[in-house]
Amino acid sequence: MKDALRHQLQRLAMRLAELDAHLADPALGSDIQRYRAVAREQAEAAAIVARFQQHEQRQADADAARAMLADAGTDAEMAEMAREEIASAQTEQARLLAELQTALLPKDPDDGRNAFLEIRAGTGGDESALFAGDLARMYLRFCERQGWRTEVLSASDSDLGGYKELVLRVEGAGVYGQLKFESGGHRVQRVPATEAQGRIHTSACTVAVMPEPDETTEITLNPADL
């Protein structure tokens, strides 16, 4: 790891300590928008710092193994174990370094927000609605594995068990940043459950992912302006 990158990560670790202190301050709870912004930044920083600490630990493991190899008193079996440890540490360090470099790239300011995920059945009739149901189950299972919370805001069921339309609210760290690329058209070609003669059909659905905005203060409108 280059010194400039290590220094950047060390500064981020110091920033994380500051954010932890802010979140522990009861006064922050009086400003919900500020609290949410600090909590989002803290969650993102904590994930990066955890990877950095893993990288540094693997560096220490590799250094200890190299010292063992350099020791004239190390027997053949221990030397082989040291070489395996060095190879394992280097592989894991390369993975962690790539993750760290990606995590430090400039981000969309909305990436840390919660998100609304909308699935709409498109062309394909009942089969399209079944496909929308499959997509919904896939996204719900993915959110569960990520530890995110989901809430069904609206749903329009089809007669055969799928969805004509489904809107979910997804809450968690980095939700919008991970889901936003799902927006767009999704297509499937398969023999649907509605097909009695075994013919392949093409069905499509659209997915829209939108960041959840911060709560706004109450707005008073002057009737004369309407």
C-alpha atoms as a PDB file:
ATOM      1  CA  MET A   1       0.000   0.000   0.000  1.00  0.00           C
ATOM      2  CA  LYS A   2       1.312   3.428  -0.942  1.00  0.00           C
ATOM      3  CA  ASP A   3       2.051   5.898   1.845  1.00  0.00           C
ATOM      4  CA  ALA A   4      -0.444   8.451   0.507  1.00  0.00           C
ATOM      5  CA  LEU A   5      -3.262   5.921   0.652  1.00  0.00           C
ATOM      6  CA  ARG A   6      -2.251   4.753   4.134  1.00  0.00           C
ATOM      7  CA  HIS A   7      -2.217   8.355   5.391  1.00  0.00           C
ATOM      8  CA  GLN A   8      -5.658   8.954   3.869  1.00  0.00           C
ATOM      9  CA  LEU A   9      -7.009   5.888   5.665  1.00  0.00           C
ATOM     10  CA  GLN A  10      -5.385   6.912   8.935  1.00  0.00           C
ATOM     11  CA  ARG A  11      -7.074  10.319   8.671  1.00  0.00           C
ATOM     12  CA  LEU A  12     -10.370   8.544   8.024  1.00  0.00           C
ATOM     13  CA  ALA A  13      -9.847   6.466  11.186  1.00  0.00           C
ATOM     14  CA  MET A  14      -9.402   9.722  13.130  1.00  0.00           C
ATOM     15  CA  ARG A  15     -12.561  11.101  11.515  1.00  0.00           C
ATOM     16  CA  LEU A  16     -14.429   7.946  12.557  1.00  0.00           C
ATOM     17  CA  ALA A  17     -13.473   8.567  16.187  1.00  0.00           C
ATOM     18  CA  GLU A  18     -14.878  12.096  15.885  1.00  0.00           C
ATOM     19  CA  LEU A  19     -18.124  10.791  14.385  1.00  0.00           C
ATOM     20  CA  ASP A  20     -18.484   8.220  17.163  1.00  0.00           C
ATOM     21  CA  ALA A  21     -18.126  11.034  19.690  1.00  0.00           C
ATOM     22  CA  HIS A  22     -20.767  13.122  17.875  1.00  0.00           C
ATOM     23  CA  LEU A  23     -23.236  10.218  17.868  1.00  0.00           C
ATOM     24  CA  ALA A  24     -22.679   9.730  21.604  1.00  0.00           C
ATOM     25  CA  ASP A  25     -23.625  13.355  22.256  1.00  0.00           C
ATOM     26  CA  PRO A  26     -27.306  13.516  23.381  1.00  0.00           C
ATOM     27  CA  ALA A  27     -27.621  16.998  21.939  1.00  0.00           C
ATOM     28  CA  LEU A  28     -27.340  15.624  18.406  1.00  0.00           C
ATOM     29  CA  GLY A  29     -30.660  13.827  18.801  1.00  0.00           C
ATOM     30  CA  SER A  30     -32.502  17.149  18.776  1.00  0.00           C
ATOM     31  CA  ASP A  31     -31.596  17.659  15.110  1.00  0.00           C
ATOM     32  CA  ILE A  32     -32.909  14.627  13.209  1.00  0.00           C
ATOM     33  CA  GLN A  33     -31.526  15.629   9.814  1.00  0.00           C
ATOM     34  CA  ARG A  34     -28.080  16.283  11.271  1.00  0.00           C
ATOM     35  CA  TYR A  35     -28.212  13.003  13.197  1.00  0.00           C
ATOM     36  CA  ARG A  36     -29.050  11.048  10.048  1.00  0.00           C
ATOM     37  CA  ALA A  37     -26.236  12.707   8.094  1.00  0.00           C
ATOM     38  CA  VAL A  38     -23.689  11.948  10.824  1.00  0.00           C
ATOM     39  CA  ALA A  39     -24.971   8.371  11.157  1.00  0.00           C
ATOM     40  CA  ARG A  40     -24.633   7.808   7.399  1.00  0.00           C
ATOM     41  CA  GLU A  41     -21.086   9.173   7.352  1.00  0.00           C
ATOM     42  CA  GLN A  42     -20.164   7.101  10.416  1.00  0.00           C
ATOM     43  CA  ALA A  43     -21.473   3.880   8.856  1.00  0.00           C
ATOM     44  CA  GLU A  44     -19.536   4.460   5.629  1.00  0.00           C
ATOM     45  CA  ALA A  45     -16.329   5.375   7.482  1.00  0.00           C
ATOM     46  CA  ALA A  46     -16.637   2.393   9.836  1.00  0.00           C
ATOM     47  CA  ALA A  47     -16.872  -0.059   6.935  1.00  0.00           C
ATOM     48  CA  ILE A  48     -13.753   1.385   5.270  1.00  0.00           C
ATOM     49  CA  VAL A  49     -11.736   1.564   8.492  1.00  0.00           C
ATOM     50  CA  ALA A  50     -12.625  -2.061   9.282  1.00  0.00           C
ATOM     51  CA  ARG A  51     -11.156  -3.158   5.939  1.00  0.00           C
ATOM     52  CA  PHE A  52      -8.071  -1.041   6.558  1.00  0.00           C
ATOM     53  CA  GLN A  53      -7.555  -2.676   9.951  1.00  0.00           C
ATOM     54  CA  GLN A  54      -7.900  -6.119   8.371  1.00  0.00           C
ATOM     55  CA  HIS A  55      -5.311  -5.145   5.742  1.00  0.00           C
ATOM     56  CA  GLU A  56      -2.869  -3.952   8.410  1.00  0.00           C
ATOM     57  CA  GLN A  57      -3.393  -7.099  10.477  1.00  0.00           C
ATOM     58  CA  ARG A  58      -2.601  -9.278   7.477  1.00  0.00           C
ATOM     59  CA  GLN A  59       0.519  -7.178   6.894  1.00  0.00           C
ATOM     60  CA  ALA A  60       1.588  -7.889  10.480  1.00  0.00           C
ATOM     61  CA  ASP A  61       0.879 -11.603   9.954  1.00  0.00           C
ATOM     62  CA  ALA A  62       3.046 -11.655   6.822  1.00  0.00           C
ATOM     63  CA  ASP A  63       5.868  -9.783   8.567  1.00  0.00           C
ATOM     64  CA  ALA A  64       5.814 -12.296  11.441  1.00  0.00           C
ATOM     65  CA  ALA A  65       5.958 -15.180   8.968  1.00  0.00           C
ATOM     66  CA  ARG A  66       8.904 -13.614   7.143  1.00  0.00           C
ATOM     67  CA  ALA A  67      10.738 -13.187  10.453  1.00  0.00           C
ATOM     68  CA  MET A  68      10.148 -16.873  11.137  1.00  0.00           C
ATOM     69  CA  LEU A  69      11.623 -17.779   7.736  1.00  0.00           C
ATOM     70  CA  ALA A  70      14.671 -15.619   8.424  1.00  0.00           C
ATOM     71  CA  ASP A  71      15.290 -17.390  11.735  1.00  0.00           C
ATOM     72  CA  ALA A  72      17.981 -20.040  11.255  1.00  0.00           C
ATOM     73  CA  GLY A  73      16.393 -22.147  13.987  1.00  0.00           C
ATOM     74  CA  THR A  74      13.081 -22.604  12.130  1.00  0.00           C
ATOM     75  CA  ASP A  75      12.583 -26.224  11.070  1.00  0.00           C
ATOM     76  CA  ALA A  76      11.344 -27.304   7.619  1.00  0.00           C
ATOM     77  CA  GLU A  77       7.723 -27.848   8.684  1.00  0.00           C
ATOM     78  CA  MET A  78       7.439 -24.434  10.331  1.00  0.00           C
ATOM     79  CA  ALA A  79       9.127 -22.806   7.340  1.00  0.00           C
ATOM     80  CA  GLU A  80       6.517 -24.321   5.013  1.00  0.00           C
ATOM     81  CA  MET A  81       3.720 -23.052   7.255  1.00  0.00           C
ATOM     82  CA  ALA A  82       5.310 -19.589   7.195  1.00  0.00           C
ATOM     83  CA  ARG A  83       5.431 -19.591   3.392  1.00  0.00           C
ATOM     84  CA  GLU A  84       1.747 -20.592   3.231  1.00  0.00           C
ATOM     85  CA  GLU A  85       0.869 -17.818   5.672  1.00  0.00           C
ATOM     86  CA  ILE A  86       2.729 -15.242   3.564  1.00  0.00           C
ATOM     87  CA  ALA A  87       0.936 -16.368   0.391  1.00  0.00           C
ATOM     88  CA  SER A  88      -2.449 -16.279   2.145  1.00  0.00           C
ATOM     89  CA  ALA A  89      -1.803 -12.826   3.619  1.00  0.00           C
ATOM     90  CA  GLN A  90      -0.703 -11.393   0.270  1.00  0.00           C
ATOM     91  CA  THR A  91      -3.833 -12.734  -1.472  1.00  0.00           C
ATOM     92  CA  GLU A  92      -6.124 -11.277   1.165  1.00  0.00           C
ATOM     93  CA  GLN A  93      -4.240  -7.976   1.208  1.00  0.00           C
ATOM     94  CA  ALA A  94      -4.657  -7.634  -2.566  1.00  0.00           C
ATOM     95  CA  ARG A  95      -8.410  -8.173  -2.221  1.00  0.00           C
ATOM     96  CA  LEU A  96      -8.716  -5.699   0.655  1.00  0.00           C
ATOM     97  CA  LEU A  97      -6.613  -3.112  -1.169  1.00  0.00           C
ATOM     98  CA  ALA A  98      -8.869  -3.289  -4.227  1.00  0.00           C
ATOM     99  CA  GLU A  99     -11.949  -2.890  -2.005  1.00  0.00           C
ATOM    100  CA  LEU A 100     -10.386   0.079  -0.215  1.00  0.00           C
ATOM    101  CA  GLN A 101      -9.465   1.830  -3.458  1.00  0.00           C
ATOM    102  CA  THR A 102     -13.020   1.372  -4.737  1.00  0.00           C
ATOM    103  CA  ALA A 103     -14.542   2.552  -1.453  1.00  0.00           C
ATOM    104  CA  LEU A 104     -12.514   5.778  -1.553  1.00  0.00           C
ATOM    105  CA  LEU A 105     -13.648   6.778  -5.045  1.00  0.00           C
ATOM    106  CA  PRO A 106     -15.864   9.898  -5.220  1.00  0.00           C
ATOM    107  CA  LYS A 107     -19.461   8.983  -4.394  1.00  0.00           C
ATOM    108  CA  ASP A 108     -22.921  10.134  -5.315  1.00  0.00           C
ATOM    109  CA  PRO A 109     -24.028  12.143  -2.245  1.00  0.00           C
ATOM    110  CA  ASP A 110     -27.246  10.094  -2.213  1.00  0.00           C
ATOM    111  CA  ASP A 111     -25.478   6.710  -2.052  1.00  0.00           C
ATOM    112  CA  GLY A 112     -25.853   6.421   1.715  1.00  0.00           C
ATOM    113  CA  ARG A 113     -29.578   7.101   1.719  1.00  0.00           C
ATOM    114  CA  ASN A 114     -32.477   4.718   2.141  1.00  0.00           C
ATOM    115  CA  ALA A 115     -34.333   3.983  -1.067  1.00  0.00           C
ATOM    116  CA  PHE A 116     -37.720   3.363  -2.638  1.00  0.00           C
ATOM    117  CA  LEU A 117     -37.794   0.408  -5.026  1.00  0.00           C
ATOM    118  CA  GLU A 118     -40.676   0.158  -7.483  1.00  0.00           C
ATOM    119  CA  ILE A 119     -41.363  -2.889  -9.671  1.00  0.00           C
ATOM    120  CA  ARG A 120     -43.948  -2.674 -12.471  1.00  0.00           C
ATOM    121  CA  ALA A 121     -45.077  -5.497 -14.735  1.00  0.00           C
ATOM    122  CA  GLY A 122     -44.685  -4.629 -18.409  1.00  0.00           C
ATOM    123  CA  THR A 123     -45.328  -6.534 -21.602  1.00  0.00           C
ATOM    124  CA  GLY A 124     -46.247 -10.178 -21.216  1.00  0.00           C
ATOM    125  CA  GLY A 125     -49.570 -10.116 -19.393  1.00  0.00           C
ATOM    126  CA  ASP A 126     -49.897 -12.552 -16.494  1.00  0.00           C
ATOM    127  CA  GLU A 127     -46.394 -13.914 -17.093  1.00  0.00           C
ATOM    128  CA  SER A 128     -44.962 -10.416 -16.707  1.00  0.00           C
ATOM    129  CA  ALA A 129     -46.711 -10.127 -13.338  1.00  0.00           C
ATOM    130  CA  LEU A 130     -45.243 -13.492 -12.294  1.00  0.00           C
ATOM    131  CA  PHE A 131     -41.804 -12.241 -13.346  1.00  0.00           C
ATOM    132  CA  ALA A 132     -42.373  -9.111 -11.254  1.00  0.00           C
ATOM    133  CA  GLY A 133     -43.125 -11.408  -8.310  1.00  0.00           C
ATOM    134  CA  ASP A 134     -39.883 -13.301  -8.905  1.00  0.00           C
ATOM    135  CA  LEU A 135     -37.947 -10.030  -8.964  1.00  0.00           C
ATOM    136  CA  ALA A 136     -39.642  -8.896  -5.761  1.00  0.00           C
ATOM    137  CA  ARG A 137     -38.681 -12.091  -3.945  1.00  0.00           C
ATOM    138  CA  MET A 138     -35.121 -11.792  -5.227  1.00  0.00           C
ATOM    139  CA  TYR A 139     -34.768  -8.216  -3.967  1.00  0.00           C
ATOM    140  CA  LEU A 140     -36.383  -9.030  -0.615  1.00  0.00           C
ATOM    141  CA  ARG A 141     -34.012 -11.950  -0.091  1.00  0.00           C
ATOM    142  CA  PHE A 142     -31.029  -9.794  -1.051  1.00  0.00           C
ATOM    143  CA  CYS A 143     -32.111  -7.069   1.391  1.00  0.00           C
ATOM    144  CA  GLU A 144     -32.499  -9.652   4.141  1.00  0.00           C
ATOM    145  CA  ARG A 145     -28.969 -10.954   3.551  1.00  0.00           C
ATOM    146  CA  GLN A 146     -27.635  -7.396   3.692  1.00  0.00           C
ATOM    147  CA  GLY A 147     -29.356  -6.818   7.010  1.00  0.00           C
ATOM    148  CA  TRP A 148     -31.597  -4.110   5.543  1.00  0.00           C
ATOM    149  CA  ARG A 149     -35.164  -3.485   6.659  1.00  0.00           C
ATOM    150  CA  THR A 150     -37.948  -3.533   4.066  1.00  0.00           C
ATOM    151  CA  GLU A 151     -41.480  -2.196   4.141  1.00  0.00           C
ATOM    152  CA  VAL A 152     -44.192  -2.720   1.527  1.00  0.00           C
ATOM    153  CA  LEU A 153     -45.692   0.689   0.803  1.00  0.00           C
ATOM    154  CA  SER A 154     -48.113  -0.448  -1.904  1.00  0.00           C
ATOM    155  CA  ALA A 155     -48.830  -3.606  -3.836  1.00  0.00           C
ATOM    156  CA  SER A 156     -51.176  -4.555  -6.660  1.00  0.00           C
ATOM    157  CA  ASP A 157     -51.427  -8.344  -6.839  1.00  0.00           C
ATOM    158  CA  SER A 158     -52.123 -10.273 -10.028  1.00  0.00           C
ATOM    159  CA  ASP A 159     -54.660 -13.093 -10.238  1.00  0.00           C
ATOM    160  CA  LEU A 160     -51.916 -15.746 -10.525  1.00  0.00           C
ATOM    161  CA  GLY A 161     -49.787 -14.668  -7.583  1.00  0.00           C
ATOM    162  CA  GLY A 162     -47.397 -12.101  -9.035  1.00  0.00           C
ATOM    163  CA  TYR A 163     -47.482  -8.333  -8.904  1.00  0.00           C
ATOM    164  CA  LYS A 164     -48.784  -5.769 -11.321  1.00  0.00           C
ATOM    165  CA  GLU A 165     -46.986  -3.178  -9.209  1.00  0.00           C
ATOM    166  CA  LEU A 166     -45.006  -3.223  -5.961  1.00  0.00           C
ATOM    167  CA  VAL A 167     -43.339  -0.366  -4.074  1.00  0.00           C
ATOM    168  CA  LEU A 168     -40.859  -1.106  -1.284  1.00  0.00           C
ATOM    169  CA  ARG A 169     -39.064   1.153   1.157  1.00  0.00           C
ATOM    170  CA  VAL A 170     -35.591  -0.202   1.946  1.00  0.00           C
ATOM    171  CA  GLU A 171     -33.726   1.087   4.982  1.00  0.00           C
ATOM    172  CA  GLY A 172     -30.064   0.459   5.788  1.00  0.00           C
ATOM    173  CA  ALA A 173     -26.498   1.611   5.256  1.00  0.00           C
ATOM    174  CA  GLY A 174     -25.637   2.369   1.628  1.00  0.00           C
ATOM    175  CA  VAL A 175     -28.951   1.094   0.280  1.00  0.00           C
ATOM    176  CA  TYR A 176     -29.362   3.535  -2.616  1.00  0.00           C
ATOM    177  CA  GLY A 177     -25.724   3.235  -3.675  1.00  0.00           C
ATOM    178  CA  GLN A 178     -26.057  -0.529  -4.057  1.00  0.00           C
ATOM    179  CA  LEU A 179     -29.543  -0.685  -5.579  1.00  0.00           C
ATOM    180  CA  LYS A 180     -29.551   2.301  -7.929  1.00  0.00           C
ATOM    181  CA  PHE A 181     -28.049   0.349 -10.826  1.00  0.00           C
ATOM    182  CA  GLU A 182     -31.080  -1.973 -10.806  1.00  0.00           C
ATOM    183  CA  SER A 183     -33.171   0.804 -12.337  1.00  0.00           C
ATOM    184  CA  GLY A 184     -34.283   0.078 -15.882  1.00  0.00           C
ATOM    185  CA  GLY A 185     -35.922  -2.654 -17.921  1.00  0.00           C
ATOM    186  CA  HIS A 186     -35.590  -6.326 -16.943  1.00  0.00           C
ATOM    187  CA  ARG A 187     -36.494  -9.088 -19.421  1.00  0.00           C
ATOM    188  CA  VAL A 188     -36.896 -12.853 -19.196  1.00  0.00           C
ATOM    189  CA  GLN A 189     -37.423 -15.541 -21.834  1.00  0.00           C
ATOM    190  CA  ARG A 190     -38.875 -18.769 -20.478  1.00  0.00           C
ATOM    191  CA  VAL A 191     -41.772 -21.197 -20.663  1.00  0.00           C
ATOM    192  CA  PRO A 192     -44.225 -19.547 -18.267  1.00  0.00           C
ATOM    193  CA  ALA A 193     -46.567 -21.286 -15.868  1.00  0.00           C
ATOM    194  CA  THR A 194     -49.429 -19.861 -17.940  1.00  0.00           C
ATOM    195  CA  GLU A 195     -48.265 -21.661 -21.125  1.00  0.00           C
ATOM    196  CA  ALA A 196     -49.904 -25.045 -21.774  1.00  0.00           C
ATOM    197  CA  GLN A 197     -48.051 -25.888 -25.021  1.00  0.00           C
ATOM    198  CA  GLY A 198     -44.451 -25.389 -23.884  1.00  0.00           C
ATOM    199  CA  ARG A 199     -43.753 -22.272 -25.948  1.00  0.00           C
ATOM    200  CA  ILE A 200     -41.150 -19.729 -24.852  1.00  0.00           C
ATOM    201  CA  HIS A 201     -42.471 -16.271 -24.034  1.00  0.00           C
ATOM    202  CA  THR A 202     -40.673 -12.991 -23.495  1.00  0.00           C
ATOM    203  CA  SER A 203     -41.791 -10.848 -20.578  1.00  0.00           C
ATOM    204  CA  ALA A 204     -40.529  -7.572 -19.218  1.00  0.00           C
ATOM    205  CA  CYS A 205     -40.695  -5.495 -16.058  1.00  0.00           C
ATOM    206  CA  THR A 206     -39.402  -2.087 -15.130  1.00  0.00           C
ATOM    207  CA  VAL A 207     -37.572  -1.305 -11.902  1.00  0.00           C
ATOM    208  CA  ALA A 208     -37.140   2.190 -10.509  1.00  0.00           C
ATOM    209  CA  VAL A 209     -34.915   3.002  -7.516  1.00  0.00           C
ATOM    210  CA  MET A 210     -35.109   6.444  -5.926  1.00  0.00           C
ATOM    211  CA  PRO A 211     -33.272   7.845  -2.884  1.00  0.00           C
ATOM    212  CA  GLU A 212     -35.378   8.714   0.121  1.00  0.00           C
ATOM    213  CA  PRO A 213     -35.227  12.471   0.715  1.00  0.00           C
ATOM    214  CA  ASP A 214     -34.674  14.023   4.104  1.00  0.00           C
ATOM    215  CA  GLU A 215     -37.778  15.023   5.988  1.00  0.00           C
ATOM    216  CA  THR A 216     -38.792  18.560   5.185  1.00  0.00           C
ATOM    217  CA  THR A 217     -40.248  21.071   7.550  1.00  0.00           C
ATOM    218  CA  GLU A 218     -43.911  21.962   7.219  1.00  0.00           C
ATOM    219  CA  ILE A 219     -44.559  24.413   4.403  1.00  0.00           C
ATOM    220  CA  THR A 220     -47.251  27.053   4.749  1.00  0.00           C
ATOM    221  CA  LEU A 221     -48.883  28.203   1.525  1.00  0.00           C
ATOM    222  CA  ASN A 222     -50.603  31.517   1.162  1.00  0.00           C
ATOM    223  CA  PRO A 223     -54.022  30.869  -0.472  1.00  0.00           C
ATOM    224  CA  ALA A 224     -53.523  34.052  -2.485  1.00  0.00           C
ATOM    225  CA  ASP A 225     -50.571  32.412  -4.226  1.00  0.00           C
ATOM    226  CA  LEU A 226     -52.683  29.508  -5.503  1.00  0.00           C
END
